[in-house]
Each structure stands twice: as structure tokens, then as C-alpha cells.
Amino acid sequence: MSVIQETRPDLERPENRELLGHWEKIRGDAPVPLRAQFNPMDVPRHLPNLIVLEPKVPDNASVRIFGTELARRLGFDLTGIDLFSMYDGQRALEVVDMISHVVEQQAIAVAYSEWTTPSGHTFTTENLWMPLASQEGPVNRVLGSVWEVVEARADVDDLGGALALAQLLSRRAYYKF
């Protein structure tokens, strides 16, 4: 089991800090906000980089919302696809483990991923994952936000749809506060 830090994460991207602040606001005094409290239209500038998963860990995590900028950078839209099925081997185990922590521990996960496009362009993303609970109590959605640490150049080629081969999870941490 990974250590869960009892502090607010120190995020690099202002967009992720802003979305985390929105998550905190709708959560109020509860450990986790309800899924019904989160309306994507309340955070319109985040929509292009937003992901909403419907996890049934450890079996699958269906992508319910996949932002347009993320689809452009990946080279296709993941909406309706099981996120876990996009990975193989050790990388698949890491992704399942991370999303499982968010669901089962009701923890926020922050991960940094290294990417390389087919033309050799490399970049790093800051990935923020936050739990959303059902009315009955268990986490039934995971809200994700993925932004490049350094602002993306519009002319950079996409990843060619090679999600499993292009991404390496370099570091991750979990938080409850």
C-alpha cells in the first residue's frame, strides 16, 4: 500500500490547482464530493483537458468524458473505452493501482508522465485524479485533469494513438486532506 500524505498536493499547473480548489469547494466538509455536485459546465476552461472515469476496479474504468485537447494530442477519442484496456504488462498494473487508490482509499492521486511522439518530441504531463462519490457513499467516478507541465505547442504532432507505448509514469503520490 502506498503512503497517503495528509497535505494538499503541491501542483505545478495553475489549471490543476484551480480544479482542485473547485473540488474542495463542492466537497465542503465531506471527505469526497458527490458525483451529483460536480457539473463539468461549472469549469468550462478545463473541459478540453478533463477526463471522467466510471471505475469498477480492478476490472475496468470506462471513460465517460475525454476532453477534446486530450483526444487531439492522443490522436483519437477514448470516450466509451475501458482505460485499463489501453495498457499492457507493468504499465497496466500501475494504472489500475493508481485508480484503485483513488476509489478505495478516497485519495487524490497526482502523477507525472513522460511522453514521446512518433517524431521524437518529448513532454511531461501533470495528471490529477480526484474521487467523486455516489449518493450511497462509495466512489463511483474519478475526475481527471491532464495538462502539460510546459505549455503545449499547437504544431506538435499527436501521439498516433499509441497510449500504452508512449507513456511512462515517472512519479506519483496520494493525498487526503
C-alpha atoms as a PDB file:
ATOM      1  CA  MET A   1       0.000   0.000   0.000  1.00  0.00           C
ATOM      2  CA  SER A   2       1.342   3.423  -0.935  1.00  0.00           C
ATOM      3  CA  VAL A   3       1.713   6.185   1.621  1.00  0.00           C
ATOM      4  CA  ILE A   4      -1.106   8.728   1.596  1.00  0.00           C
ATOM      5  CA  GLN A   5       0.089  12.199   2.503  1.00  0.00           C
ATOM      6  CA  GLU A   6      -2.171  14.260   4.749  1.00  0.00           C
ATOM      7  CA  THR A   7      -1.485  17.526   2.969  1.00  0.00           C
ATOM      8  CA  ARG A   8      -2.813  19.361  -0.053  1.00  0.00           C
ATOM      9  CA  PRO A   9      -0.785  18.439  -3.156  1.00  0.00           C
ATOM     10  CA  ASP A  10       1.721  20.982  -4.445  1.00  0.00           C
ATOM     11  CA  LEU A  11       0.666  21.127  -8.091  1.00  0.00           C
ATOM     12  CA  GLU A  12       2.732  22.695 -10.857  1.00  0.00           C
ATOM     13  CA  ARG A  13      -0.078  23.603 -13.271  1.00  0.00           C
ATOM     14  CA  PRO A  14      -2.342  26.514 -12.253  1.00  0.00           C
ATOM     15  CA  GLU A  15      -5.242  24.796 -14.049  1.00  0.00           C
ATOM     16  CA  ASN A  16      -4.878  21.730 -11.826  1.00  0.00           C
ATOM     17  CA  ARG A  17      -4.652  23.937  -8.724  1.00  0.00           C
ATOM     18  CA  GLU A  18      -7.845  25.698  -9.817  1.00  0.00           C
ATOM     19  CA  LEU A  19      -9.716  22.427 -10.470  1.00  0.00           C
ATOM     20  CA  LEU A  20      -8.567  21.043  -7.112  1.00  0.00           C
ATOM     21  CA  GLY A  21      -9.922  24.230  -5.482  1.00  0.00           C
ATOM     22  CA  HIS A  22     -13.271  23.661  -7.211  1.00  0.00           C
ATOM     23  CA  TRP A  23     -13.297  20.022  -5.992  1.00  0.00           C
ATOM     24  CA  GLU A  24     -12.594  21.267  -2.431  1.00  0.00           C
ATOM     25  CA  LYS A  25     -15.377  23.864  -2.672  1.00  0.00           C
ATOM     26  CA  ILE A  26     -18.054  21.375  -3.765  1.00  0.00           C
ATOM     27  CA  ARG A  27     -16.828  18.816  -1.212  1.00  0.00           C
ATOM     28  CA  GLY A  28     -17.376  21.177   1.717  1.00  0.00           C
ATOM     29  CA  ASP A  29     -16.845  19.280   4.987  1.00  0.00           C
ATOM     30  CA  ALA A  30     -17.299  15.837   3.394  1.00  0.00           C
ATOM     31  CA  PRO A  31     -14.247  13.661   2.658  1.00  0.00           C
ATOM     32  CA  VAL A  32     -15.268  13.455  -1.027  1.00  0.00           C
ATOM     33  CA  PRO A  33     -17.796  15.456  -3.055  1.00  0.00           C
ATOM     34  CA  LEU A  34     -20.802  13.708  -4.515  1.00  0.00           C
ATOM     35  CA  ARG A  35     -20.780  12.982  -8.237  1.00  0.00           C
ATOM     36  CA  ALA A  36     -24.060  14.922  -8.469  1.00  0.00           C
ATOM     37  CA  GLN A  37     -22.275  18.024  -7.118  1.00  0.00           C
ATOM     38  CA  PHE A  38     -19.792  18.062  -9.992  1.00  0.00           C
ATOM     39  CA  ASN A  39     -21.042  19.690 -13.179  1.00  0.00           C
ATOM     40  CA  PRO A  40     -18.376  19.852 -15.912  1.00  0.00           C
ATOM     41  CA  MET A  41     -20.028  23.025 -17.242  1.00  0.00           C
ATOM     42  CA  ASP A  42     -19.033  24.783 -13.993  1.00  0.00           C
ATOM     43  CA  VAL A  43     -15.381  24.524 -15.107  1.00  0.00           C
ATOM     44  CA  PRO A  44     -15.570  25.294 -18.858  1.00  0.00           C
ATOM     45  CA  ARG A  45     -11.912  26.207 -19.344  1.00  0.00           C
ATOM     46  CA  HIS A  46     -10.948  22.764 -18.036  1.00  0.00           C
ATOM     47  CA  LEU A  47     -13.163  20.754 -20.410  1.00  0.00           C
ATOM     48  CA  PRO A  48     -10.507  20.228 -23.125  1.00  0.00           C
ATOM     49  CA  ASN A  49      -8.183  18.557 -20.578  1.00  0.00           C
ATOM     50  CA  LEU A  50     -10.781  16.764 -18.461  1.00  0.00           C
ATOM     51  CA  ILE A  51     -11.370  13.028 -18.053  1.00  0.00           C
ATOM     52  CA  VAL A  52     -14.198  11.406 -16.111  1.00  0.00           C
ATOM     53  CA  LEU A  53     -13.897   7.686 -15.422  1.00  0.00           C
ATOM     54  CA  GLU A  54     -16.534   5.248 -14.214  1.00  0.00           C
ATOM     55  CA  PRO A  55     -14.298   2.741 -12.405  1.00  0.00           C
ATOM     56  CA  LYS A  56     -15.105  -0.801 -11.402  1.00  0.00           C
ATOM     57  CA  VAL A  57     -11.672  -1.600 -10.006  1.00  0.00           C
ATOM     58  CA  PRO A  58      -9.719  -3.701 -10.583  1.00  0.00           C
ATOM     59  CA  ASP A  59     -11.635  -4.836 -13.674  1.00  0.00           C
ATOM     60  CA  ASN A  60     -12.197  -1.697 -15.725  1.00  0.00           C
ATOM     61  CA  ALA A  61     -12.507   2.074 -15.823  1.00  0.00           C
ATOM     62  CA  SER A  62     -14.838   3.289 -18.573  1.00  0.00           C
ATOM     63  CA  VAL A  63     -14.029   6.728 -19.950  1.00  0.00           C
ATOM     64  CA  ARG A  64     -17.229   8.810 -19.745  1.00  0.00           C
ATOM     65  CA  ILE A  65     -15.708  12.185 -20.690  1.00  0.00           C
ATOM     66  CA  PHE A  66     -12.455  12.669 -22.625  1.00  0.00           C
ATOM     67  CA  GLY A  67     -11.509  16.266 -23.367  1.00  0.00           C
ATOM     68  CA  THR A  68     -11.042  17.484 -26.912  1.00  0.00           C
ATOM     69  CA  GLU A  69      -7.445  18.606 -26.353  1.00  0.00           C
ATOM     70  CA  LEU A  70      -6.582  15.222 -24.892  1.00  0.00           C
ATOM     71  CA  ALA A  71      -8.170  13.499 -27.901  1.00  0.00           C
ATOM     72  CA  ARG A  72      -6.237  15.776 -30.267  1.00  0.00           C
ATOM     73  CA  ARG A  73      -2.921  15.072 -28.544  1.00  0.00           C
ATOM     74  CA  LEU A  74      -3.518  11.330 -28.298  1.00  0.00           C
ATOM     75  CA  GLY A  75      -4.727  11.038 -31.881  1.00  0.00           C
ATOM     76  CA  PHE A  76      -8.179   9.627 -31.042  1.00  0.00           C
ATOM     77  CA  ASP A  77     -11.028   9.935 -28.537  1.00  0.00           C
ATOM     78  CA  LEU A  78     -11.145   7.484 -25.601  1.00  0.00           C
ATOM     79  CA  THR A  79     -14.800   8.188 -24.718  1.00  0.00           C
ATOM     80  CA  GLY A  80     -16.576   4.877 -24.126  1.00  0.00           C
ATOM     81  CA  ILE A  81     -13.337   2.864 -23.927  1.00  0.00           C
ATOM     82  CA  ASP A  82     -12.024   0.993 -20.879  1.00  0.00           C
ATOM     83  CA  LEU A  83      -8.916   2.965 -19.871  1.00  0.00           C
ATOM     84  CA  PHE A  84      -7.291  -0.138 -18.362  1.00  0.00           C
ATOM     85  CA  SER A  85      -7.517  -1.976 -21.699  1.00  0.00           C
ATOM     86  CA  MET A  86      -5.240   0.630 -23.283  1.00  0.00           C
ATOM     87  CA  TYR A  87      -2.195  -0.642 -21.374  1.00  0.00           C
ATOM     88  CA  ASP A  88      -0.218  -3.864 -21.171  1.00  0.00           C
ATOM     89  CA  GLY A  89       2.009  -5.510 -18.591  1.00  0.00           C
ATOM     90  CA  GLN A  90       3.553  -3.467 -15.800  1.00  0.00           C
ATOM     91  CA  ARG A  91       2.121  -0.194 -17.076  1.00  0.00           C
ATOM     92  CA  ALA A  92      -1.402  -1.660 -16.867  1.00  0.00           C
ATOM     93  CA  LEU A  93      -0.781  -2.726 -13.266  1.00  0.00           C
ATOM     94  CA  GLU A  94       0.431   0.791 -12.373  1.00  0.00           C
ATOM     95  CA  VAL A  95      -2.659   2.465 -13.859  1.00  0.00           C
ATOM     96  CA  VAL A  96      -5.053   0.008 -12.159  1.00  0.00           C
ATOM     97  CA  ASP A  97      -3.204   0.504  -8.857  1.00  0.00           C
ATOM     98  CA  MET A  98      -3.372   4.296  -9.105  1.00  0.00           C
ATOM     99  CA  ILE A  99      -7.094   4.432  -9.934  1.00  0.00           C
ATOM    100  CA  SER A 100      -7.765   1.781  -7.242  1.00  0.00           C
ATOM    101  CA  HIS A 101      -6.149   4.065  -4.644  1.00  0.00           C
ATOM    102  CA  VAL A 102      -8.404   6.935  -5.700  1.00  0.00           C
ATOM    103  CA  VAL A 103     -11.509   4.725  -5.479  1.00  0.00           C
ATOM    104  CA  GLU A 104     -10.797   2.530  -2.466  1.00  0.00           C
ATOM    105  CA  GLN A 105      -8.835   4.988  -0.309  1.00  0.00           C
ATOM    106  CA  GLN A 106     -10.789   8.050  -1.498  1.00  0.00           C
ATOM    107  CA  ALA A 107      -7.414   9.667  -2.114  1.00  0.00           C
ATOM    108  CA  ILE A 108      -6.319  12.233  -4.651  1.00  0.00           C
ATOM    109  CA  ALA A 109      -3.572  10.974  -6.957  1.00  0.00           C
ATOM    110  CA  VAL A 110      -1.010  13.178  -8.673  1.00  0.00           C
ATOM    111  CA  ALA A 111       1.184  11.597 -11.308  1.00  0.00           C
ATOM    112  CA  TYR A 112       3.722  12.883 -13.798  1.00  0.00           C
ATOM    113  CA  SER A 113       4.016  11.108 -17.134  1.00  0.00           C
ATOM    114  CA  GLU A 114       6.711  11.265 -19.784  1.00  0.00           C
ATOM    115  CA  TRP A 115       5.523  11.161 -23.400  1.00  0.00           C
ATOM    116  CA  THR A 116       7.295  10.829 -26.739  1.00  0.00           C
ATOM    117  CA  THR A 117       5.506  11.467 -30.039  1.00  0.00           C
ATOM    118  CA  PRO A 118       6.353   9.425 -33.157  1.00  0.00           C
ATOM    119  CA  SER A 119       8.529  12.324 -34.390  1.00  0.00           C
ATOM    120  CA  GLY A 120      10.549  12.305 -31.152  1.00  0.00           C
ATOM    121  CA  HIS A 121       9.032  15.331 -29.382  1.00  0.00           C
ATOM    122  CA  THR A 122       9.033  14.704 -25.618  1.00  0.00           C
ATOM    123  CA  PHE A 123       6.911  16.326 -22.945  1.00  0.00           C
ATOM    124  CA  THR A 124       5.681  15.756 -19.394  1.00  0.00           C
ATOM    125  CA  THR A 125       2.111  15.917 -18.129  1.00  0.00           C
ATOM    126  CA  GLU A 126       0.830  16.569 -14.626  1.00  0.00           C
ATOM    127  CA  ASN A 127      -2.133  14.234 -14.060  1.00  0.00           C
ATOM    128  CA  LEU A 128      -4.570  14.999 -11.245  1.00  0.00           C
ATOM    129  CA  TRP A 129      -7.125  12.312 -10.245  1.00  0.00           C
ATOM    130  CA  MET A 130      -9.887  13.058  -7.704  1.00  0.00           C
ATOM    131  CA  PRO A 131     -12.676  10.847  -6.331  1.00  0.00           C
ATOM    132  CA  LEU A 132     -16.386  11.599  -6.674  1.00  0.00           C
ATOM    133  CA  ALA A 133     -18.853   9.603  -4.541  1.00  0.00           C
ATOM    134  CA  SER A 134     -22.301   8.226  -5.228  1.00  0.00           C
ATOM    135  CA  GLN A 135     -25.294   9.137  -3.063  1.00  0.00           C
ATOM    136  CA  GLU A 136     -24.837   5.745  -1.386  1.00  0.00           C
ATOM    137  CA  GLY A 137     -21.277   6.608  -0.363  1.00  0.00           C
ATOM    138  CA  PRO A 138     -18.738   4.661  -2.443  1.00  0.00           C
ATOM    139  CA  VAL A 139     -16.660   6.395  -5.096  1.00  0.00           C
ATOM    140  CA  ASN A 140     -18.274   5.800  -8.479  1.00  0.00           C
ATOM    141  CA  ARG A 141     -16.467   8.371 -10.634  1.00  0.00           C
ATOM    142  CA  VAL A 142     -12.912   9.617 -10.903  1.00  0.00           C
ATOM    143  CA  LEU A 143     -12.311  13.145 -12.164  1.00  0.00           C
ATOM    144  CA  GLY A 144      -9.040  13.556 -14.027  1.00  0.00           C
ATOM    145  CA  SER A 145      -7.214  16.592 -15.340  1.00  0.00           C
ATOM    146  CA  VAL A 146      -4.165  16.244 -17.600  1.00  0.00           C
ATOM    147  CA  TRP A 147      -2.028  19.254 -18.524  1.00  0.00           C
ATOM    148  CA  GLU A 148       1.428  19.523 -19.983  1.00  0.00           C
ATOM    149  CA  VAL A 149       3.860  20.898 -17.414  1.00  0.00           C
ATOM    150  CA  VAL A 150       5.226  23.299 -20.055  1.00  0.00           C
ATOM    151  CA  GLU A 151       2.544  24.875 -22.251  1.00  0.00           C
ATOM    152  CA  ALA A 152       1.856  22.756 -25.336  1.00  0.00           C
ATOM    153  CA  ARG A 153       2.882  23.965 -28.772  1.00  0.00           C
ATOM    154  CA  ALA A 154      -0.042  23.795 -31.184  1.00  0.00           C
ATOM    155  CA  ASP A 155       2.107  22.415 -34.032  1.00  0.00           C
ATOM    156  CA  VAL A 156       3.411  19.380 -32.133  1.00  0.00           C
ATOM    157  CA  ASP A 157       2.263  16.102 -33.647  1.00  0.00           C
ATOM    158  CA  ASP A 158      -0.068  13.773 -31.792  1.00  0.00           C
ATOM    159  CA  LEU A 159       0.871  10.502 -30.140  1.00  0.00           C
ATOM    160  CA  GLY A 160      -0.502   8.487 -33.019  1.00  0.00           C
ATOM    161  CA  GLY A 161      -2.913   6.679 -30.742  1.00  0.00           C
ATOM    162  CA  ALA A 162      -0.054   4.779 -29.074  1.00  0.00           C
ATOM    163  CA  LEU A 163      -1.094   5.412 -25.488  1.00  0.00           C
ATOM    164  CA  ALA A 164       0.466   2.289 -23.963  1.00  0.00           C
ATOM    165  CA  LEU A 165       3.776   2.652 -25.782  1.00  0.00           C
ATOM    166  CA  ALA A 166       4.225   6.407 -25.495  1.00  0.00           C
ATOM    167  CA  GLN A 167       3.680   6.966 -21.808  1.00  0.00           C
ATOM    168  CA  LEU A 168       5.927   6.225 -18.856  1.00  0.00           C
ATOM    169  CA  LEU A 169       4.686   7.032 -15.357  1.00  0.00           C
ATOM    170  CA  SER A 170       7.662   8.755 -13.766  1.00  0.00           C
ATOM    171  CA  ARG A 171       6.308   9.509 -10.297  1.00  0.00           C
ATOM    172  CA  ARG A 172       3.071   9.560  -8.345  1.00  0.00           C
ATOM    173  CA  ALA A 173       1.774  10.489  -4.904  1.00  0.00           C
ATOM    174  CA  TYR A 174      -1.504  10.233  -2.982  1.00  0.00           C
ATOM    175  CA  TYR A 175      -3.190  12.825  -0.759  1.00  0.00           C
ATOM    176  CA  LYS A 176      -6.065  13.162   1.727  1.00  0.00           C
ATOM    177  CA  PHE A 177      -6.622  16.449   3.500  1.00  0.00           C
END
